[in-house]
Amino acid sequence: MRTHRLASAVVVATAALALATAAIAFDGVMPVPPGGPHIFAPGPRSLGLQGPQANPSSVGDFAGTVALAYVKGRAIGGDGHRFVMLNDMRIMSGDYVAADGSRHHGSFAFI
């Protein structure tokens, strides 16, 4: 139990640091989402994901670095109902093309 709390604290601290960096780096021009109705989930097909070649970015027309983590844990809802939570978190930094066609550099977090 203590290990899970420590791991959760590390993940939250890393995400907060990434968001603070992104707030400074983002120039305010919104990127275009990737094509299609959803965001891709790279990873082993045996786990129900889309394979290792799936695009990990949640930004369309993006060239840069992406860090991706899948997080699974137990949670309790506001109504007291217990459930298993499955999430993914992504941090991206690089160049992208905005909806108006202009080129920009930015850092993003998708939690």
N, C-alpha and C. Protein backbone atom coordinates (compact mmCIF):
# COMPACT_ATOMS: atom_id res chain seq x y z
N MET A 1 0.83 -1.19 0.00
CA MET A 1 0.00 0.00 0.00
C MET A 1 0.87 1.25 0.00
N ARG A 2 1.91 1.26 0.81
CA ARG A 2 2.80 2.41 0.91
C ARG A 2 3.52 2.64 -0.43
N THR A 3 3.90 1.56 -1.13
CA THR A 3 4.57 1.66 -2.42
C THR A 3 3.65 2.31 -3.45
N HIS A 4 2.37 1.97 -3.42
CA HIS A 4 1.41 2.56 -4.36
C HIS A 4 1.27 4.06 -4.11
N ARG A 5 1.23 4.45 -2.85
CA ARG A 5 1.12 5.88 -2.54
C ARG A 5 2.35 6.64 -2.99
N LEU A 6 3.54 6.05 -2.78
CA LEU A 6 4.77 6.69 -3.21
C LEU A 6 4.80 6.82 -4.73
N ALA A 7 4.42 5.76 -5.43
CA ALA A 7 4.39 5.80 -6.90
C ALA A 7 3.40 6.85 -7.38
N SER A 8 2.26 6.94 -6.74
CA SER A 8 1.26 7.94 -7.11
C SER A 8 1.80 9.35 -6.88
N ALA A 9 2.48 9.56 -5.78
CA ALA A 9 3.04 10.88 -5.49
C ALA A 9 4.10 11.26 -6.51
N VAL A 10 4.91 10.30 -6.94
CA VAL A 10 5.93 10.57 -7.96
C VAL A 10 5.28 10.94 -9.28
N VAL A 11 4.24 10.23 -9.66
CA VAL A 11 3.53 10.52 -10.91
C VAL A 11 2.91 11.90 -10.86
N VAL A 12 2.26 12.24 -9.77
CA VAL A 12 1.62 13.55 -9.62
C VAL A 12 2.67 14.66 -9.65
N ALA A 13 3.77 14.48 -8.95
CA ALA A 13 4.83 15.49 -8.93
C ALA A 13 5.43 15.69 -10.32
N THR A 14 5.65 14.60 -11.05
CA THR A 14 6.18 14.68 -12.41
C THR A 14 5.21 15.41 -13.32
N ALA A 15 3.93 15.09 -13.22
CA ALA A 15 2.92 15.76 -14.05
C ALA A 15 2.85 17.24 -13.71
N ALA A 16 2.92 17.59 -12.43
CA ALA A 16 2.87 19.00 -12.04
C ALA A 16 4.06 19.76 -12.59
N LEU A 17 5.24 19.15 -12.54
CA LEU A 17 6.44 19.78 -13.09
C LEU A 17 6.29 19.95 -14.59
N ALA A 18 5.78 18.94 -15.27
CA ALA A 18 5.58 19.02 -16.72
C ALA A 18 4.58 20.12 -17.06
N LEU A 19 3.50 20.22 -16.29
CA LEU A 19 2.50 21.26 -16.55
C LEU A 19 3.07 22.65 -16.31
N ALA A 20 3.89 22.81 -15.29
CA ALA A 20 4.51 24.11 -15.03
C ALA A 20 5.42 24.50 -16.18
N THR A 21 6.19 23.54 -16.70
CA THR A 21 7.06 23.79 -17.84
C THR A 21 6.23 24.10 -19.07
N ALA A 22 5.15 23.36 -19.27
CA ALA A 22 4.29 23.58 -20.43
C ALA A 22 3.65 24.95 -20.39
N ALA A 23 3.29 25.42 -19.21
CA ALA A 23 2.66 26.74 -19.10
C ALA A 23 3.60 27.83 -19.57
N ILE A 24 4.89 27.65 -19.37
CA ILE A 24 5.87 28.63 -19.84
C ILE A 24 6.13 28.46 -21.34
N ALA A 25 6.17 27.21 -21.83
CA ALA A 25 6.57 26.95 -23.21
C ALA A 25 5.44 27.14 -24.22
N PHE A 26 4.20 26.99 -23.85
CA PHE A 26 3.09 27.03 -24.80
C PHE A 26 2.82 28.46 -25.24
N ASP A 27 2.77 28.69 -26.56
CA ASP A 27 2.60 30.05 -27.09
C ASP A 27 1.14 30.44 -27.29
N GLY A 28 0.19 29.58 -26.92
CA GLY A 28 -1.21 29.95 -26.95
C GLY A 28 -1.98 29.59 -28.21
N VAL A 29 -1.31 29.16 -29.26
CA VAL A 29 -2.01 28.78 -30.49
C VAL A 29 -2.33 27.30 -30.40
N MET A 30 -3.61 26.98 -30.49
CA MET A 30 -4.07 25.60 -30.28
C MET A 30 -3.68 24.68 -31.43
N PRO A 31 -3.17 23.49 -31.10
CA PRO A 31 -2.84 22.50 -32.12
C PRO A 31 -4.09 21.80 -32.65
N VAL A 32 -3.93 21.12 -33.75
CA VAL A 32 -5.00 20.34 -34.35
C VAL A 32 -4.94 18.94 -33.74
N PRO A 33 -6.08 18.38 -33.27
CA PRO A 33 -6.05 17.00 -32.75
C PRO A 33 -5.72 16.01 -33.88
N PRO A 34 -5.24 14.81 -33.53
CA PRO A 34 -4.95 13.82 -34.57
C PRO A 34 -6.23 13.43 -35.30
N GLY A 35 -6.07 12.93 -36.51
CA GLY A 35 -7.23 12.54 -37.31
C GLY A 35 -8.03 11.42 -36.68
N GLY A 36 -9.29 11.35 -36.98
CA GLY A 36 -10.14 10.28 -36.46
C GLY A 36 -10.87 10.69 -35.20
N PRO A 37 -11.73 9.79 -34.71
CA PRO A 37 -12.59 10.12 -33.58
C PRO A 37 -11.95 9.91 -32.21
N HIS A 38 -10.71 9.44 -32.17
CA HIS A 38 -10.12 9.12 -30.87
C HIS A 38 -8.62 9.36 -30.86
N ILE A 39 -8.03 9.24 -29.69
CA ILE A 39 -6.58 9.33 -29.55
C ILE A 39 -6.04 7.91 -29.52
N PHE A 40 -4.94 7.69 -30.22
CA PHE A 40 -4.37 6.35 -30.34
C PHE A 40 -3.77 5.87 -29.03
N ALA A 41 -3.75 4.56 -28.85
CA ALA A 41 -3.21 3.94 -27.64
C ALA A 41 -2.13 2.94 -28.02
N PRO A 42 -0.87 3.40 -28.16
CA PRO A 42 0.20 2.47 -28.52
C PRO A 42 0.50 1.50 -27.37
N GLY A 43 0.90 0.31 -27.74
CA GLY A 43 1.25 -0.69 -26.76
C GLY A 43 0.89 -2.08 -27.27
N PRO A 44 1.16 -3.10 -26.47
CA PRO A 44 0.92 -4.48 -26.92
C PRO A 44 -0.54 -4.76 -27.26
N ARG A 45 -0.75 -5.38 -28.39
CA ARG A 45 -2.12 -5.74 -28.80
C ARG A 45 -2.72 -6.74 -27.82
N SER A 46 -1.89 -7.55 -27.17
CA SER A 46 -2.39 -8.54 -26.20
C SER A 46 -3.06 -7.87 -25.00
N LEU A 47 -2.78 -6.59 -24.79
CA LEU A 47 -3.41 -5.85 -23.70
C LEU A 47 -4.58 -5.00 -24.19
N GLY A 48 -4.96 -5.19 -25.46
CA GLY A 48 -6.08 -4.44 -26.01
C GLY A 48 -5.68 -3.08 -26.57
N LEU A 49 -4.37 -2.85 -26.70
CA LEU A 49 -3.88 -1.58 -27.24
C LEU A 49 -3.66 -1.72 -28.75
N GLN A 50 -3.22 -0.66 -29.41
CA GLN A 50 -3.19 -0.63 -30.87
C GLN A 50 -1.84 -0.99 -31.50
N GLY A 51 -0.94 -1.57 -30.75
CA GLY A 51 0.35 -1.96 -31.29
C GLY A 51 1.40 -0.89 -31.06
N PRO A 52 2.68 -1.27 -31.11
CA PRO A 52 3.75 -0.33 -30.79
C PRO A 52 3.95 0.78 -31.83
N GLN A 53 3.42 0.62 -33.05
CA GLN A 53 3.59 1.64 -34.08
C GLN A 53 2.51 2.72 -34.03
N ALA A 54 1.52 2.61 -33.18
CA ALA A 54 0.46 3.62 -33.10
C ALA A 54 1.06 4.95 -32.64
N ASN A 55 0.55 6.03 -33.17
CA ASN A 55 1.05 7.37 -32.85
C ASN A 55 0.74 7.72 -31.39
N PRO A 56 1.76 7.96 -30.53
CA PRO A 56 1.49 8.26 -29.13
C PRO A 56 1.10 9.72 -28.87
N SER A 57 1.24 10.59 -29.85
CA SER A 57 0.93 12.00 -29.65
C SER A 57 -0.57 12.24 -29.67
N SER A 58 -1.03 13.18 -28.86
CA SER A 58 -2.44 13.58 -28.93
C SER A 58 -2.56 14.92 -29.66
N VAL A 59 -1.51 15.26 -30.41
CA VAL A 59 -1.47 16.48 -31.22
C VAL A 59 -1.24 16.06 -32.67
N GLY A 60 -2.08 16.52 -33.59
CA GLY A 60 -1.92 16.21 -35.00
C GLY A 60 -0.77 17.01 -35.61
N ASP A 61 -0.16 16.50 -36.66
CA ASP A 61 0.95 17.14 -37.37
C ASP A 61 2.01 17.61 -36.37
N PHE A 62 2.51 16.67 -35.58
CA PHE A 62 3.43 16.94 -34.48
C PHE A 62 4.76 16.26 -34.72
N ALA A 63 5.86 16.97 -34.48
CA ALA A 63 7.20 16.38 -34.55
C ALA A 63 7.91 16.74 -33.26
N GLY A 64 8.17 15.74 -32.43
CA GLY A 64 8.82 16.01 -31.16
C GLY A 64 8.94 14.77 -30.31
N THR A 65 9.03 14.95 -29.03
CA THR A 65 9.22 13.87 -28.06
C THR A 65 7.93 13.66 -27.28
N VAL A 66 7.58 12.37 -27.07
CA VAL A 66 6.38 12.02 -26.32
C VAL A 66 6.75 11.04 -25.22
N ALA A 67 6.31 11.30 -24.00
CA ALA A 67 6.44 10.35 -22.90
C ALA A 67 5.03 9.86 -22.58
N LEU A 68 4.87 8.55 -22.43
CA LEU A 68 3.55 7.95 -22.24
C LEU A 68 3.61 6.95 -21.09
N ALA A 69 2.62 7.03 -20.20
CA ALA A 69 2.52 6.07 -19.09
C ALA A 69 1.07 5.63 -18.95
N TYR A 70 0.86 4.33 -18.78
CA TYR A 70 -0.46 3.80 -18.48
C TYR A 70 -0.52 3.57 -16.97
N VAL A 71 -1.56 4.06 -16.33
CA VAL A 71 -1.69 3.99 -14.87
C VAL A 71 -2.95 3.21 -14.54
N LYS A 72 -2.83 2.25 -13.61
CA LYS A 72 -3.98 1.46 -13.17
C LYS A 72 -3.98 1.45 -11.66
N GLY A 73 -5.15 1.68 -11.08
CA GLY A 73 -5.24 1.66 -9.63
C GLY A 73 -6.67 1.57 -9.16
N ARG A 74 -6.86 1.37 -7.89
CA ARG A 74 -8.20 1.30 -7.31
C ARG A 74 -8.60 2.69 -6.84
N ALA A 75 -9.88 2.99 -6.99
CA ALA A 75 -10.39 4.30 -6.60
C ALA A 75 -11.75 4.15 -5.95
N ILE A 76 -12.15 5.20 -5.24
CA ILE A 76 -13.48 5.24 -4.62
C ILE A 76 -14.17 6.50 -5.12
N GLY A 77 -15.35 6.32 -5.70
CA GLY A 77 -16.12 7.44 -6.22
C GLY A 77 -16.76 8.25 -5.10
N GLY A 78 -17.30 9.41 -5.46
CA GLY A 78 -17.95 10.28 -4.50
C GLY A 78 -19.14 9.61 -3.81
N ASP A 79 -19.70 8.59 -4.48
CA ASP A 79 -20.84 7.87 -3.90
C ASP A 79 -20.40 6.67 -3.07
N GLY A 80 -19.07 6.50 -2.89
CA GLY A 80 -18.55 5.39 -2.10
C GLY A 80 -18.32 4.12 -2.90
N HIS A 81 -18.70 4.11 -4.19
CA HIS A 81 -18.52 2.94 -5.05
C HIS A 81 -17.04 2.75 -5.37
N ARG A 82 -16.54 1.53 -5.20
CA ARG A 82 -15.14 1.21 -5.51
C ARG A 82 -15.04 0.73 -6.95
N PHE A 83 -13.97 1.13 -7.62
CA PHE A 83 -13.76 0.70 -9.01
C PHE A 83 -12.28 0.71 -9.33
N VAL A 84 -11.93 0.07 -10.45
CA VAL A 84 -10.56 0.08 -10.95
C VAL A 84 -10.46 1.20 -11.98
N MET A 85 -9.48 2.06 -11.81
CA MET A 85 -9.29 3.19 -12.70
C MET A 85 -8.14 2.87 -13.66
N LEU A 86 -8.37 3.06 -14.94
CA LEU A 86 -7.35 2.86 -15.98
C LEU A 86 -7.19 4.17 -16.73
N ASN A 87 -6.01 4.74 -16.69
CA ASN A 87 -5.76 6.02 -17.34
C ASN A 87 -4.45 5.97 -18.11
N ASP A 88 -4.29 6.92 -19.02
CA ASP A 88 -2.98 7.12 -19.60
C ASP A 88 -2.62 8.59 -19.49
N MET A 89 -1.34 8.84 -19.32
CA MET A 89 -0.85 10.21 -19.23
C MET A 89 0.24 10.38 -20.28
N ARG A 90 0.22 11.54 -20.95
CA ARG A 90 1.20 11.81 -21.99
C ARG A 90 1.76 13.22 -21.82
N ILE A 91 3.04 13.35 -22.06
CA ILE A 91 3.70 14.65 -22.05
C ILE A 91 4.40 14.76 -23.39
N MET A 92 4.18 15.87 -24.09
CA MET A 92 4.75 16.08 -25.42
C MET A 92 5.44 17.42 -25.49
N SER A 93 6.54 17.47 -26.22
CA SER A 93 7.22 18.73 -26.46
C SER A 93 7.78 18.68 -27.87
N GLY A 94 7.45 19.69 -28.68
CA GLY A 94 7.96 19.70 -30.04
C GLY A 94 7.27 20.73 -30.91
N ASP A 95 7.41 20.55 -32.21
CA ASP A 95 6.84 21.47 -33.19
C ASP A 95 5.52 20.92 -33.70
N TYR A 96 4.56 21.82 -33.96
CA TYR A 96 3.27 21.40 -34.47
C TYR A 96 2.70 22.46 -35.40
N VAL A 97 1.72 22.05 -36.19
CA VAL A 97 1.02 22.97 -37.07
C VAL A 97 -0.35 23.26 -36.45
N ALA A 98 -0.67 24.55 -36.27
CA ALA A 98 -1.93 24.96 -35.66
C ALA A 98 -3.07 24.88 -36.67
N ALA A 99 -4.28 25.05 -36.19
CA ALA A 99 -5.47 24.98 -37.03
C ALA A 99 -5.43 26.00 -38.17
N ASP A 100 -4.76 27.13 -37.96
CA ASP A 100 -4.68 28.15 -39.01
C ASP A 100 -3.53 27.91 -39.98
N GLY A 101 -2.79 26.81 -39.82
CA GLY A 101 -1.70 26.45 -40.72
C GLY A 101 -0.34 27.00 -40.30
N SER A 102 -0.28 27.79 -39.23
CA SER A 102 0.99 28.36 -38.78
C SER A 102 1.77 27.32 -37.97
N ARG A 103 3.09 27.43 -38.00
CA ARG A 103 3.96 26.49 -37.28
C ARG A 103 4.34 27.06 -35.92
N HIS A 104 4.37 26.16 -34.90
CA HIS A 104 4.66 26.59 -33.54
C HIS A 104 5.46 25.53 -32.81
N HIS A 105 6.00 25.91 -31.65
CA HIS A 105 6.68 24.98 -30.74
C HIS A 105 5.94 25.04 -29.41
N GLY A 106 5.69 23.90 -28.80
CA GLY A 106 4.99 23.89 -27.53
C GLY A 106 5.20 22.62 -26.75
N SER A 107 4.81 22.64 -25.50
CA SER A 107 4.84 21.47 -24.62
C SER A 107 3.43 21.28 -24.08
N PHE A 108 2.98 20.03 -24.03
CA PHE A 108 1.61 19.72 -23.65
C PHE A 108 1.59 18.54 -22.69
N ALA A 109 0.58 18.49 -21.86
CA ALA A 109 0.34 17.33 -21.00
C ALA A 109 -1.09 16.87 -21.24
N PHE A 110 -1.26 15.58 -21.39
CA PHE A 110 -2.58 14.96 -21.59
C PHE A 110 -2.76 13.99 -20.45
N ILE A 111 -3.64 14.33 -19.50
CA ILE A 111 -3.80 13.48 -18.32
C ILE A 111 -5.22 12.96 -18.26
